[in-house]
Amino acid sequence: MTIYKPVQDELRRYTFLTEVRYERGYVYLSYKVDEVIKTRRIPYRASIRQLESTIDKIKKEVGFKEMKELRDIKVRKELAKPMMFANVGEEDE
């Protein structure tokens, strides 16, 4: 498999990746760990397994599982709050 442009665009959707760029036959994946920007590179013609294992290593290093759990807790708290409804755009007659 080759990491074509559509695949690179899909990689940009990961929230823990700050930058994905192609340069000289390599795809560079930049991410932030403790406010330090780190970069991993994968060959442009890497296999799917190589790409998945690299993403999994980055997830472990970043602590993605813990970040996701904290984010899910915040979302659940927001959803538990009562909804505020208003008649927006309607005039009182």
Protein backbone atom coordinates (compact mmCIF):
# COMPACT_ATOMS: atom_id res chain seq x y z
CA MET A 1 0.00 0.00 0.00
CA THR A 2 1.13 3.50 -0.70
CA ILE A 3 0.14 6.32 1.62
CA TYR A 4 -1.55 8.44 -1.03
CA LYS A 5 -2.96 11.92 -0.51
CA PRO A 6 -6.47 10.73 0.56
CA VAL A 7 -4.90 8.51 3.23
CA GLN A 8 -2.76 11.42 4.43
CA ASP A 9 -5.90 13.58 4.64
CA GLU A 10 -7.62 10.89 6.72
CA LEU A 11 -4.61 10.81 9.07
CA ARG A 12 -5.09 14.53 9.70
CA ARG A 13 -8.45 13.73 11.29
CA TYR A 14 -6.70 12.19 14.32
CA THR A 15 -6.87 14.74 17.12
CA PHE A 16 -3.48 13.83 18.57
CA LEU A 17 -1.59 14.46 15.29
CA THR A 18 -0.62 18.09 14.84
CA GLU A 19 0.82 17.77 11.33
CA VAL A 20 1.02 15.22 8.51
CA ARG A 21 3.35 16.02 5.63
CA TYR A 22 4.95 14.21 2.69
CA GLU A 23 8.58 14.89 1.96
CA ARG A 24 11.23 12.97 -0.03
CA GLY A 25 9.52 9.60 -0.02
CA TYR A 26 8.49 9.71 3.64
CA VAL A 27 5.31 10.69 5.43
CA TYR A 28 6.06 12.62 8.61
CA LEU A 29 3.59 12.43 11.51
CA SER A 30 4.04 15.19 14.12
CA TYR A 31 2.44 15.02 17.55
CA LYS A 32 2.78 16.68 20.94
CA VAL A 33 3.90 14.92 24.15
CA ASP A 34 4.16 17.06 27.29
CA GLU A 35 4.34 20.26 25.21
CA VAL A 36 7.24 18.83 23.15
CA ILE A 37 6.62 18.27 19.46
CA LYS A 38 7.85 14.88 18.24
CA THR A 39 7.90 13.47 14.73
CA ARG A 40 7.80 9.94 13.37
CA ARG A 41 8.36 9.07 9.77
CA ILE A 42 6.96 6.23 7.69
CA PRO A 43 8.04 5.29 4.18
CA TYR A 44 5.63 6.50 1.51
CA ARG A 45 5.21 2.89 0.37
CA ALA A 46 4.55 1.51 3.87
CA SER A 47 2.13 -1.36 4.39
CA ILE A 48 -1.15 -1.02 6.25
CA ARG A 49 0.30 -2.93 9.20
CA GLN A 50 3.26 -0.55 9.45
CA LEU A 51 0.93 2.44 9.42
CA GLU A 52 -1.40 0.93 12.04
CA SER A 53 1.47 -0.06 14.34
CA THR A 54 2.99 3.42 14.09
CA ILE A 55 -0.36 5.04 14.92
CA ASP A 56 -0.81 2.65 17.88
CA LYS A 57 2.68 3.51 19.20
CA ILE A 58 1.90 7.22 18.94
CA LYS A 59 -1.43 6.68 20.77
CA LYS A 60 0.38 4.92 23.63
CA GLU A 61 3.05 7.60 23.85
CA VAL A 62 0.51 10.42 23.84
CA GLY A 63 -1.83 8.69 26.30
CA PHE A 64 -4.77 8.76 23.91
CA LYS A 65 -6.86 6.29 25.93
CA GLU A 66 -6.73 8.48 29.05
CA MET A 67 -7.41 11.64 27.03
CA LYS A 68 -10.44 9.99 25.41
CA GLU A 69 -11.83 8.81 28.76
CA LEU A 70 -11.53 12.33 30.23
CA ARG A 71 -13.15 13.85 27.15
CA ASP A 72 -16.01 11.32 27.35
CA ILE A 73 -16.59 12.18 31.03
CA LYS A 74 -16.81 15.89 30.16
CA VAL A 75 -19.26 15.18 27.34
CA ARG A 76 -21.47 13.04 29.58
CA LYS A 77 -21.56 15.82 32.20
CA GLU A 78 -22.60 18.35 29.57
CA LEU A 79 -25.30 16.03 28.24
CA ALA A 80 -26.66 15.47 31.76
CA LYS A 81 -27.34 19.19 32.20
CA PRO A 82 -30.88 20.32 31.40
CA MET A 83 -31.33 21.78 27.95
CA MET A 84 -32.15 25.45 27.64
CA PHE A 85 -34.75 26.14 24.98
CA ALA A 86 -35.49 29.59 23.63
CA ASN A 87 -37.57 30.96 20.83
CA VAL A 88 -34.75 32.34 18.75
CA GLY A 89 -35.79 34.42 15.81
CA GLU A 90 -39.44 34.62 16.78
CA GLU A 91 -40.93 37.93 17.77
CA ASP A 92 -43.47 38.36 20.55
CA GLU A 93 -46.82 39.43 19.15
